[in-house]
Amino acid sequence: LSQSRFGLFVRALREDQDAAAALGVNTTRYKVLVFVVTSSMAALAGTVYGHYVTIITPNNLMILQMSLVVAMAVIAGVENFIAAAIGAILIEFMLEMLRTSFSIGGITVDMTLWRLVFFGMLLMLTLRFARNGLLVPVIDFFTRGHVAAETVARRTDDNGSGADDPADVVSQETRT
């Protein structure tokens, strides 16, 4: 989908709306289309959630639960769907594991009181040091990292210094 015409237009809108419009992309049409698609996904998620809990009341949709969902997306990374899904699963698992209490040297520590504090600290550290999310670099390494490493290795000569001019790379490749 990201390499399709639709995906390229949406990415162009994300990067620079004016430039996309100048290149002939109907920005209003694609904005509305993205809004419809994402709203449909949200409606589907709400339907599944409603079926799961069997009753929807205002108490079910507390601000804490909604902010956890947004924080999961921020921590895991919103650039990559796989990273967001894996991150949400890992973060939910971590939060459930922190519901327990344990003893350290005879002192009982009740983690149910501190689990959201740790989650908030993780969110603040993510926003400060890893703006794209914690899992996006990991997913990118496993999906594209080896290709980038091979490209860099090909562009470096035997001494380990990289070629500054692309013409040097072409001339080195034609010599071998």
N, C-alpha and C. Protein backbone atom coordinates (compact mmCIF):
# COMPACT_ATOMS: atom_id res chain seq x y z
N LEU A 1 0.82 -1.19 0.00
CA LEU A 1 0.00 0.00 0.00
C LEU A 1 0.87 1.26 0.00
N SER A 2 1.99 1.22 0.72
CA SER A 2 2.82 2.42 0.79
C SER A 2 3.51 2.73 -0.55
N GLN A 3 3.70 1.73 -1.38
CA GLN A 3 4.32 1.96 -2.68
C GLN A 3 3.30 2.17 -3.80
N SER A 4 2.01 2.12 -3.47
CA SER A 4 0.98 2.35 -4.47
C SER A 4 0.85 3.84 -4.75
N ARG A 5 0.06 4.16 -5.73
CA ARG A 5 -0.17 5.57 -6.08
C ARG A 5 -0.79 6.32 -4.89
N PHE A 6 -1.77 5.69 -4.24
CA PHE A 6 -2.42 6.28 -3.07
C PHE A 6 -1.41 6.53 -1.94
N GLY A 7 -0.58 5.53 -1.66
CA GLY A 7 0.42 5.66 -0.61
C GLY A 7 1.42 6.77 -0.89
N LEU A 8 1.85 6.87 -2.14
CA LEU A 8 2.80 7.93 -2.50
C LEU A 8 2.18 9.32 -2.38
N PHE A 9 0.90 9.44 -2.77
CA PHE A 9 0.22 10.73 -2.65
C PHE A 9 0.04 11.12 -1.19
N VAL A 10 -0.32 10.15 -0.35
CA VAL A 10 -0.52 10.44 1.08
C VAL A 10 0.80 10.83 1.72
N ARG A 11 1.86 10.13 1.36
CA ARG A 11 3.18 10.48 1.89
C ARG A 11 3.61 11.87 1.42
N ALA A 12 3.30 12.21 0.17
CA ALA A 12 3.62 13.54 -0.33
C ALA A 12 2.83 14.61 0.44
N LEU A 13 1.57 14.32 0.77
CA LEU A 13 0.77 15.25 1.58
C LEU A 13 1.36 15.42 2.97
N ARG A 14 1.86 14.32 3.55
CA ARG A 14 2.43 14.40 4.89
C ARG A 14 3.70 15.25 4.88
N GLU A 15 4.51 15.09 3.86
CA GLU A 15 5.79 15.80 3.82
C GLU A 15 5.62 17.28 3.51
N ASP A 16 4.88 17.60 2.46
CA ASP A 16 4.71 19.00 2.07
C ASP A 16 3.44 19.12 1.23
N GLN A 17 2.41 19.65 1.84
CA GLN A 17 1.12 19.74 1.19
C GLN A 17 1.15 20.69 -0.01
N ASP A 18 1.83 21.79 0.12
CA ASP A 18 1.90 22.76 -0.98
C ASP A 18 2.64 22.18 -2.18
N ALA A 19 3.72 21.47 -1.92
CA ALA A 19 4.47 20.86 -3.02
C ALA A 19 3.65 19.77 -3.70
N ALA A 20 2.91 19.00 -2.92
CA ALA A 20 2.05 17.97 -3.51
C ALA A 20 0.97 18.60 -4.38
N ALA A 21 0.38 19.69 -3.92
CA ALA A 21 -0.64 20.37 -4.71
C ALA A 21 -0.03 20.95 -5.99
N ALA A 22 1.19 21.44 -5.88
CA ALA A 22 1.85 22.00 -7.07
C ALA A 22 2.14 20.92 -8.10
N LEU A 23 2.32 19.69 -7.64
CA LEU A 23 2.59 18.59 -8.57
C LEU A 23 1.31 17.95 -9.10
N GLY A 24 0.15 18.48 -8.71
CA GLY A 24 -1.10 18.01 -9.28
C GLY A 24 -1.88 17.03 -8.42
N VAL A 25 -1.50 16.85 -7.18
CA VAL A 25 -2.23 15.96 -6.28
C VAL A 25 -3.45 16.71 -5.77
N ASN A 26 -4.63 16.11 -5.87
CA ASN A 26 -5.84 16.70 -5.35
C ASN A 26 -5.83 16.51 -3.83
N THR A 27 -5.32 17.51 -3.12
CA THR A 27 -5.08 17.36 -1.69
C THR A 27 -6.37 17.19 -0.91
N THR A 28 -7.42 17.90 -1.28
CA THR A 28 -8.69 17.78 -0.55
C THR A 28 -9.25 16.37 -0.69
N ARG A 29 -9.20 15.84 -1.88
CA ARG A 29 -9.73 14.50 -2.12
C ARG A 29 -8.99 13.45 -1.28
N TYR A 30 -7.67 13.53 -1.26
CA TYR A 30 -6.90 12.53 -0.52
C TYR A 30 -7.01 12.72 0.99
N LYS A 31 -7.16 13.96 1.44
CA LYS A 31 -7.38 14.19 2.88
C LYS A 31 -8.70 13.58 3.32
N VAL A 32 -9.74 13.80 2.54
CA VAL A 32 -11.06 13.23 2.88
C VAL A 32 -11.00 11.71 2.82
N LEU A 33 -10.32 11.17 1.83
CA LEU A 33 -10.21 9.72 1.70
C LEU A 33 -9.47 9.12 2.89
N VAL A 34 -8.39 9.76 3.32
CA VAL A 34 -7.65 9.28 4.49
C VAL A 34 -8.51 9.38 5.74
N PHE A 35 -9.28 10.46 5.87
CA PHE A 35 -10.18 10.61 7.01
C PHE A 35 -11.23 9.51 7.02
N VAL A 36 -11.79 9.18 5.87
CA VAL A 36 -12.80 8.13 5.79
C VAL A 36 -12.20 6.77 6.16
N VAL A 37 -11.03 6.47 5.63
CA VAL A 37 -10.39 5.17 5.91
C VAL A 37 -10.05 5.05 7.39
N THR A 38 -9.44 6.08 7.97
CA THR A 38 -9.06 5.99 9.38
C THR A 38 -10.29 5.99 10.28
N SER A 39 -11.33 6.72 9.91
CA SER A 39 -12.57 6.69 10.71
C SER A 39 -13.22 5.32 10.63
N SER A 40 -13.15 4.69 9.48
CA SER A 40 -13.70 3.34 9.35
C SER A 40 -12.94 2.35 10.23
N MET A 41 -11.62 2.51 10.29
CA MET A 41 -10.83 1.64 11.17
C MET A 41 -11.20 1.86 12.63
N ALA A 42 -11.39 3.13 13.01
CA ALA A 42 -11.78 3.43 14.39
C ALA A 42 -13.16 2.86 14.69
N ALA A 43 -14.08 2.94 13.74
CA ALA A 43 -15.41 2.38 13.93
C ALA A 43 -15.35 0.86 14.07
N LEU A 44 -14.51 0.23 13.28
CA LEU A 44 -14.35 -1.22 13.38
C LEU A 44 -13.76 -1.61 14.73
N ALA A 45 -12.77 -0.85 15.19
CA ALA A 45 -12.18 -1.13 16.50
C ALA A 45 -13.21 -0.94 17.61
N GLY A 46 -14.03 0.10 17.51
CA GLY A 46 -15.08 0.32 18.49
C GLY A 46 -16.12 -0.78 18.48
N THR A 47 -16.42 -1.28 17.31
CA THR A 47 -17.38 -2.38 17.20
C THR A 47 -16.84 -3.64 17.85
N VAL A 48 -15.60 -3.95 17.58
CA VAL A 48 -14.98 -5.13 18.19
C VAL A 48 -14.91 -4.97 19.71
N TYR A 49 -14.53 -3.78 20.17
CA TYR A 49 -14.46 -3.52 21.60
C TYR A 49 -15.84 -3.63 22.25
N GLY A 50 -16.86 -3.09 21.61
CA GLY A 50 -18.22 -3.19 22.12
C GLY A 50 -18.70 -4.63 22.18
N HIS A 51 -18.34 -5.42 21.20
CA HIS A 51 -18.71 -6.83 21.22
C HIS A 51 -17.96 -7.57 22.33
N TYR A 52 -16.74 -7.17 22.59
CA TYR A 52 -15.92 -7.82 23.61
C TYR A 52 -16.44 -7.53 25.02
N VAL A 53 -16.78 -6.28 25.33
CA VAL A 53 -17.23 -5.93 26.68
C VAL A 53 -18.74 -6.06 26.84
N THR A 54 -19.46 -6.24 25.78
CA THR A 54 -20.92 -6.46 25.71
C THR A 54 -21.76 -5.26 26.13
N ILE A 55 -21.19 -4.26 26.74
CA ILE A 55 -21.94 -3.04 27.08
C ILE A 55 -20.97 -1.86 27.07
N ILE A 56 -21.43 -0.77 26.51
CA ILE A 56 -20.59 0.43 26.45
C ILE A 56 -21.25 1.50 27.33
N THR A 57 -20.51 1.94 28.31
CA THR A 57 -20.96 3.02 29.18
C THR A 57 -19.85 4.06 29.25
N PRO A 58 -20.15 5.24 29.73
CA PRO A 58 -19.08 6.24 29.85
C PRO A 58 -17.94 5.78 30.76
N ASN A 59 -18.23 4.91 31.71
CA ASN A 59 -17.16 4.41 32.59
C ASN A 59 -16.17 3.53 31.84
N ASN A 60 -16.61 2.89 30.76
CA ASN A 60 -15.69 2.06 29.97
C ASN A 60 -14.66 2.90 29.24
N LEU A 61 -15.01 4.09 28.87
CA LEU A 61 -14.14 4.93 28.05
C LEU A 61 -13.52 6.03 28.90
N MET A 62 -12.84 5.63 29.94
CA MET A 62 -12.19 6.59 30.83
C MET A 62 -11.01 7.25 30.12
N ILE A 63 -10.69 8.43 30.58
CA ILE A 63 -9.58 9.18 29.97
C ILE A 63 -8.26 8.45 30.15
N LEU A 64 -8.12 7.72 31.24
CA LEU A 64 -6.89 6.97 31.47
C LEU A 64 -6.70 5.89 30.40
N GLN A 65 -7.76 5.16 30.09
CA GLN A 65 -7.66 4.11 29.07
C GLN A 65 -7.36 4.70 27.70
N MET A 66 -8.01 5.80 27.36
CA MET A 66 -7.77 6.42 26.06
C MET A 66 -6.36 6.99 25.96
N SER A 67 -5.87 7.57 27.05
CA SER A 67 -4.51 8.10 27.02
C SER A 67 -3.48 6.97 26.97
N LEU A 68 -3.79 5.81 27.53
CA LEU A 68 -2.88 4.66 27.42
C LEU A 68 -2.75 4.22 25.97
N VAL A 69 -3.84 4.25 25.24
CA VAL A 69 -3.80 3.84 23.83
C VAL A 69 -2.93 4.81 23.03
N VAL A 70 -3.09 6.10 23.25
CA VAL A 70 -2.27 7.09 22.55
C VAL A 70 -0.81 6.95 22.95
N ALA A 71 -0.56 6.76 24.25
CA ALA A 71 0.82 6.61 24.72
C ALA A 71 1.47 5.35 24.16
N MET A 72 0.70 4.28 24.02
CA MET A 72 1.25 3.05 23.41
C MET A 72 1.70 3.32 21.98
N ALA A 73 0.90 4.07 21.25
CA ALA A 73 1.27 4.39 19.87
C ALA A 73 2.52 5.25 19.82
N VAL A 74 2.63 6.20 20.72
CA VAL A 74 3.80 7.08 20.74
C VAL A 74 5.06 6.32 21.13
N ILE A 75 4.95 5.48 22.16
CA ILE A 75 6.13 4.73 22.60
C ILE A 75 6.57 3.72 21.56
N ALA A 76 5.63 3.00 20.98
CA ALA A 76 5.99 1.97 20.01
C ALA A 76 6.41 2.58 18.68
N GLY A 77 5.76 3.65 18.27
CA GLY A 77 6.08 4.29 17.00
C GLY A 77 4.90 4.28 16.07
N VAL A 78 4.58 5.41 15.52
CA VAL A 78 3.42 5.51 14.64
C VAL A 78 3.80 5.43 13.16
N GLU A 79 5.07 5.39 12.86
CA GLU A 79 5.50 5.33 11.47
C GLU A 79 5.29 3.95 10.86
N ASN A 80 5.34 2.93 11.67
CA ASN A 80 5.33 1.57 11.18
C ASN A 80 4.21 0.81 11.88
N PHE A 81 3.30 0.22 11.10
CA PHE A 81 2.16 -0.50 11.67
C PHE A 81 2.62 -1.70 12.49
N ILE A 82 3.63 -2.40 12.01
CA ILE A 82 4.12 -3.58 12.72
C ILE A 82 4.71 -3.17 14.07
N ALA A 83 5.47 -2.09 14.09
CA ALA A 83 6.06 -1.61 15.34
C ALA A 83 4.97 -1.19 16.32
N ALA A 84 3.94 -0.52 15.82
CA ALA A 84 2.85 -0.09 16.70
C ALA A 84 2.11 -1.29 17.29
N ALA A 85 1.85 -2.30 16.48
CA ALA A 85 1.14 -3.48 16.97
C ALA A 85 1.98 -4.26 17.99
N ILE A 86 3.23 -4.50 17.66
CA ILE A 86 4.11 -5.23 18.59
C ILE A 86 4.32 -4.43 19.86
N GLY A 87 4.49 -3.13 19.73
CA GLY A 87 4.68 -2.28 20.90
C GLY A 87 3.46 -2.27 21.81
N ALA A 88 2.27 -2.22 21.23
CA ALA A 88 1.06 -2.23 22.06
C ALA A 88 0.94 -3.55 22.83
N ILE A 89 1.27 -4.64 22.18
CA ILE A 89 1.23 -5.94 22.87
C ILE A 89 2.26 -5.98 23.99
N LEU A 90 3.48 -5.55 23.70
CA LEU A 90 4.53 -5.57 24.73
C LEU A 90 4.22 -4.63 25.90
N ILE A 91 3.71 -3.46 25.61
CA ILE A 91 3.41 -2.51 26.67
C ILE A 91 2.25 -3.00 27.53
N GLU A 92 1.23 -3.56 26.90
CA GLU A 92 0.12 -4.12 27.68
C GLU A 92 0.60 -5.28 28.55
N PHE A 93 1.47 -6.12 28.01
CA PHE A 93 2.05 -7.21 28.80
C PHE A 93 2.86 -6.66 29.97
N MET A 94 3.65 -5.61 29.71
CA MET A 94 4.45 -5.00 30.78
C MET A 94 3.55 -4.42 31.87
N LEU A 95 2.49 -3.74 31.48
CA LEU A 95 1.59 -3.16 32.47
C LEU A 95 0.90 -4.24 33.31
N GLU A 96 0.56 -5.35 32.69
CA GLU A 96 -0.07 -6.44 33.45
C GLU A 96 0.94 -7.11 34.37
N MET A 97 2.17 -7.23 33.93
CA MET A 97 3.19 -7.84 34.79
C MET A 97 3.50 -6.94 35.99
N LEU A 98 3.35 -5.65 35.84
CA LEU A 98 3.61 -4.72 36.94
C LEU A 98 2.45 -4.61 37.92
N ARG A 99 1.38 -5.38 37.72
CA ARG A 99 0.27 -5.38 38.67
C ARG A 99 0.58 -6.19 39.93
N THR A 100 1.65 -6.92 39.92
CA THR A 100 1.97 -7.78 41.05
C THR A 100 2.81 -7.03 42.07
N SER A 101 2.97 -7.64 43.24
CA SER A 101 3.85 -7.09 44.26
C SER A 101 4.94 -8.12 44.55
N PHE A 102 6.08 -7.64 44.98
CA PHE A 102 7.20 -8.54 45.28
C PHE A 102 7.95 -8.02 46.49
N SER A 103 8.82 -8.86 47.02
CA SER A 103 9.58 -8.49 48.22
C SER A 103 11.05 -8.34 47.88
N ILE A 104 11.67 -7.30 48.43
CA ILE A 104 13.10 -7.07 48.30
C ILE A 104 13.64 -6.90 49.71
N GLY A 105 14.39 -7.87 50.18
CA GLY A 105 14.98 -7.78 51.51
C GLY A 105 13.96 -7.62 52.61
N GLY A 106 12.83 -8.28 52.51
CA GLY A 106 11.80 -8.19 53.54
C GLY A 106 10.85 -7.02 53.36
N ILE A 107 11.09 -6.16 52.39
CA ILE A 107 10.20 -5.02 52.13
C ILE A 107 9.32 -5.39 50.95
N THR A 108 8.01 -5.35 51.17
CA THR A 108 7.07 -5.66 50.10
C THR A 108 6.80 -4.40 49.29
N VAL A 109 6.99 -4.52 47.98
CA VAL A 109 6.77 -3.41 47.07
C VAL A 109 5.52 -3.72 46.25
N ASP A 110 4.52 -2.87 46.37
CA ASP A 110 3.27 -3.04 45.62
C ASP A 110 3.39 -2.25 44.32
N MET A 111 3.59 -2.95 43.23
CA MET A 111 3.83 -2.30 41.93
C MET A 111 2.54 -1.76 41.31
N THR A 112 1.38 -2.14 41.83
CA THR A 112 0.14 -1.61 41.26
C THR A 112 0.07 -0.09 41.43
N LEU A 113 0.71 0.42 42.46
CA LEU A 113 0.71 1.87 42.67
C LEU A 113 1.71 2.59 41.77
N TRP A 114 2.75 1.89 41.34
CA TRP A 114 3.84 2.52 40.61
C TRP A 114 3.86 2.19 39.11
N ARG A 115 3.00 1.32 38.65
CA ARG A 115 3.10 0.89 37.25
C ARG A 115 2.83 2.03 36.27
N LEU A 116 1.87 2.89 36.57
CA LEU A 116 1.61 4.01 35.67
C LEU A 116 2.69 5.08 35.76
N VAL A 117 3.36 5.17 36.90
CA VAL A 117 4.50 6.09 37.02
C VAL A 117 5.63 5.63 36.10
N PHE A 118 5.93 4.33 36.10
CA PHE A 118 6.95 3.80 35.20
C PHE A 118 6.55 3.99 33.74
N PHE A 119 5.28 3.79 33.46
CA PHE A 119 4.78 3.97 32.10
C PHE A 119 4.93 5.42 31.67
N GLY A 120 4.62 6.36 32.55
CA GLY A 120 4.78 7.79 32.24
C GLY A 120 6.24 8.17 32.04
N MET A 121 7.12 7.59 32.86
CA MET A 121 8.55 7.87 32.69
C MET A 121 9.04 7.32 31.35
N LEU A 122 8.57 6.13 30.97
CA LEU A 122 8.93 5.56 29.68
C LEU A 122 8.42 6.44 28.54
N LEU A 123 7.23 6.98 28.68
CA LEU A 123 6.68 7.87 27.67
C LEU A 123 7.51 9.15 27.55
N MET A 124 7.89 9.74 28.68
CA MET A 124 8.70 10.97 28.65
C MET A 124 10.08 10.71 28.05
N LEU A 125 10.71 9.59 28.40
CA LEU A 125 12.02 9.27 27.83
C LEU A 125 11.92 9.01 26.34
N THR A 126 10.84 8.38 25.91
CA THR A 126 10.64 8.13 24.48
C THR A 126 10.50 9.44 23.73
N LEU A 127 9.69 10.35 24.26
CA LEU A 127 9.51 11.64 23.59
C LEU A 127 10.79 12.46 23.57
N ARG A 128 11.62 12.28 24.56
CA ARG A 128 12.87 13.04 24.63
C ARG A 128 13.97 12.47 23.74
N PHE A 129 14.12 11.14 23.74
CA PHE A 129 15.28 10.55 23.08
C PHE A 129 14.95 9.75 21.82
N ALA A 130 13.74 9.28 21.66
CA ALA A 130 13.38 8.47 20.48
C ALA A 130 12.04 8.94 19.95
N ARG A 131 12.05 10.06 19.26
CA ARG A 131 10.79 10.67 18.81
C ARG A 131 9.99 9.80 17.85
N ASN A 132 10.63 8.91 17.14
CA ASN A 132 9.91 8.02 16.23
C ASN A 132 9.39 6.78 16.92
N GLY A 133 9.66 6.62 18.19
CA GLY A 133 9.23 5.44 18.92
C GLY A 133 10.41 4.53 19.20
N LEU A 134 10.21 3.64 20.14
CA LEU A 134 11.29 2.74 20.53
C LEU A 134 11.47 1.57 19.56
N LEU A 135 10.39 1.13 18.94
CA LEU A 135 10.49 -0.07 18.11
C LEU A 135 10.73 0.20 16.63
N VAL A 136 10.51 1.40 16.17
CA VAL A 136 10.70 1.70 14.75
C VAL A 136 12.14 1.44 14.30
N PRO A 137 13.17 1.87 15.04
CA PRO A 137 14.54 1.56 14.60
C PRO A 137 14.82 0.06 14.58
N VAL A 138 14.26 -0.67 15.51
CA VAL A 138 14.47 -2.13 15.55
C VAL A 138 13.81 -2.78 14.35
N ILE A 139 12.58 -2.42 14.07
CA ILE A 139 11.87 -2.99 12.92
C ILE A 139 12.57 -2.60 11.62
N ASP A 140 13.00 -1.34 11.51
CA ASP A 140 13.71 -0.90 10.31
C ASP A 140 15.02 -1.66 10.13
N PHE A 141 15.71 -1.95 11.22
CA PHE A 141 16.96 -2.70 11.11
C PHE A 141 16.71 -4.09 10.54
N PHE A 142 15.67 -4.75 11.02
CA PHE A 142 15.41 -6.10 10.55
C PHE A 142 14.78 -6.14 9.16
N THR A 143 14.13 -5.06 8.76
CA THR A 143 13.51 -5.06 7.44
C THR A 143 14.36 -4.37 6.38
N ARG A 144 15.09 -3.30 6.78
CA ARG A 144 15.87 -2.56 5.79
C ARG A 144 17.32 -2.35 6.18
N GLY A 145 17.66 -2.64 7.40
CA GLY A 145 19.00 -2.34 7.90
C GLY A 145 20.10 -3.06 7.17
N HIS A 146 19.86 -4.32 6.82
CA HIS A 146 20.91 -5.08 6.15
C HIS A 146 21.17 -4.55 4.75
N VAL A 147 20.14 -4.02 4.10
CA VAL A 147 20.31 -3.45 2.77
C VAL A 147 21.16 -2.19 2.86
N ALA A 148 20.90 -1.35 3.87
CA ALA A 148 21.69 -0.13 4.04
C ALA A 148 23.14 -0.48 4.38
N ALA A 149 23.35 -1.49 5.21
CA ALA A 149 24.71 -1.88 5.58
C ALA A 149 25.47 -2.40 4.35
N GLU A 150 24.79 -3.15 3.50
CA GLU A 150 25.45 -3.65 2.29
C GLU A 150 25.79 -2.50 1.34
N THR A 151 24.91 -1.52 1.24
CA THR A 151 25.17 -0.37 0.37
C THR A 151 26.36 0.43 0.87
N VAL A 152 26.42 0.66 2.17
CA VAL A 152 27.55 1.39 2.74
C VAL A 152 28.83 0.60 2.55
N ALA A 153 28.78 -0.70 2.73
CA ALA A 153 29.97 -1.53 2.57
C ALA A 153 30.45 -1.51 1.11
N ARG A 154 29.52 -1.48 0.18
CA ARG A 154 29.89 -1.43 -1.23
C ARG A 154 30.53 -0.10 -1.59
N ARG A 155 30.10 0.97 -0.93
CA ARG A 155 30.60 2.30 -1.27
C ARG A 155 31.92 2.63 -0.59
N THR A 156 32.32 1.85 0.34
CA THR A 156 33.61 2.12 0.99
C THR A 156 34.69 1.35 0.25
N ASP A 157 35.84 1.96 0.18
CA ASP A 157 36.94 1.28 -0.50
C ASP A 157 37.71 0.41 0.49
N ASP A 158 38.81 -0.15 0.07
CA ASP A 158 39.57 -1.08 0.90
C ASP A 158 40.15 -0.42 2.14
N ASN A 159 40.41 0.87 2.10
CA ASN A 159 40.98 1.57 3.25
C ASN A 159 39.95 1.89 4.31
N GLY A 160 38.69 1.72 4.01
CA GLY A 160 37.63 1.99 4.98
C GLY A 160 37.06 3.39 4.89
N SER A 161 37.58 4.21 3.99
CA SER A 161 37.03 5.55 3.84
C SER A 161 36.01 5.53 2.71
N GLY A 162 34.95 6.28 2.89
CA GLY A 162 33.88 6.30 1.89
C GLY A 162 34.24 7.21 0.74
N ALA A 163 33.63 6.96 -0.39
CA ALA A 163 33.83 7.82 -1.54
C ALA A 163 32.96 9.05 -1.39
N ASP A 164 33.53 10.21 -1.69
CA ASP A 164 32.79 11.46 -1.53
C ASP A 164 31.94 11.77 -2.75
N ASP A 165 32.35 11.34 -3.89
CA ASP A 165 31.67 11.68 -5.12
C ASP A 165 31.01 10.42 -5.69
N PRO A 166 29.74 10.48 -6.07
CA PRO A 166 29.09 9.30 -6.66
C PRO A 166 29.79 8.82 -7.92
N ALA A 167 30.46 9.73 -8.66
CA ALA A 167 31.19 9.32 -9.85
C ALA A 167 32.34 8.40 -9.47
N ASP A 168 32.96 8.63 -8.29
CA ASP A 168 34.02 7.75 -7.83
C ASP A 168 33.50 6.34 -7.58
N VAL A 169 32.29 6.24 -7.06
CA VAL A 169 31.69 4.93 -6.80
C VAL A 169 31.48 4.19 -8.10
N VAL A 170 30.95 4.91 -9.12
CA VAL A 170 30.71 4.29 -10.42
C VAL A 170 32.03 3.85 -11.04
N SER A 171 33.05 4.71 -10.96
CA SER A 171 34.33 4.35 -11.57
C SER A 171 34.98 3.19 -10.82
N GLN A 172 34.79 3.11 -9.49
CA GLN A 172 35.34 1.99 -8.73
C GLN A 172 34.63 0.70 -9.09
N GLU A 173 33.30 0.77 -9.30
CA GLU A 173 32.54 -0.44 -9.64
C GLU A 173 32.89 -0.93 -11.04
N THR A 174 33.20 -0.01 -11.98
CA THR A 174 33.53 -0.43 -13.33
C THR A 174 34.92 -1.02 -13.40
N ARG A 175 35.81 -0.63 -12.45
CA ARG A 175 37.16 -1.19 -12.43
C ARG A 175 37.16 -2.63 -11.95
N THR A 176 36.23 -2.99 -11.09
CA THR A 176 36.24 -4.36 -10.54
C THR A 176 35.44 -5.32 -11.36
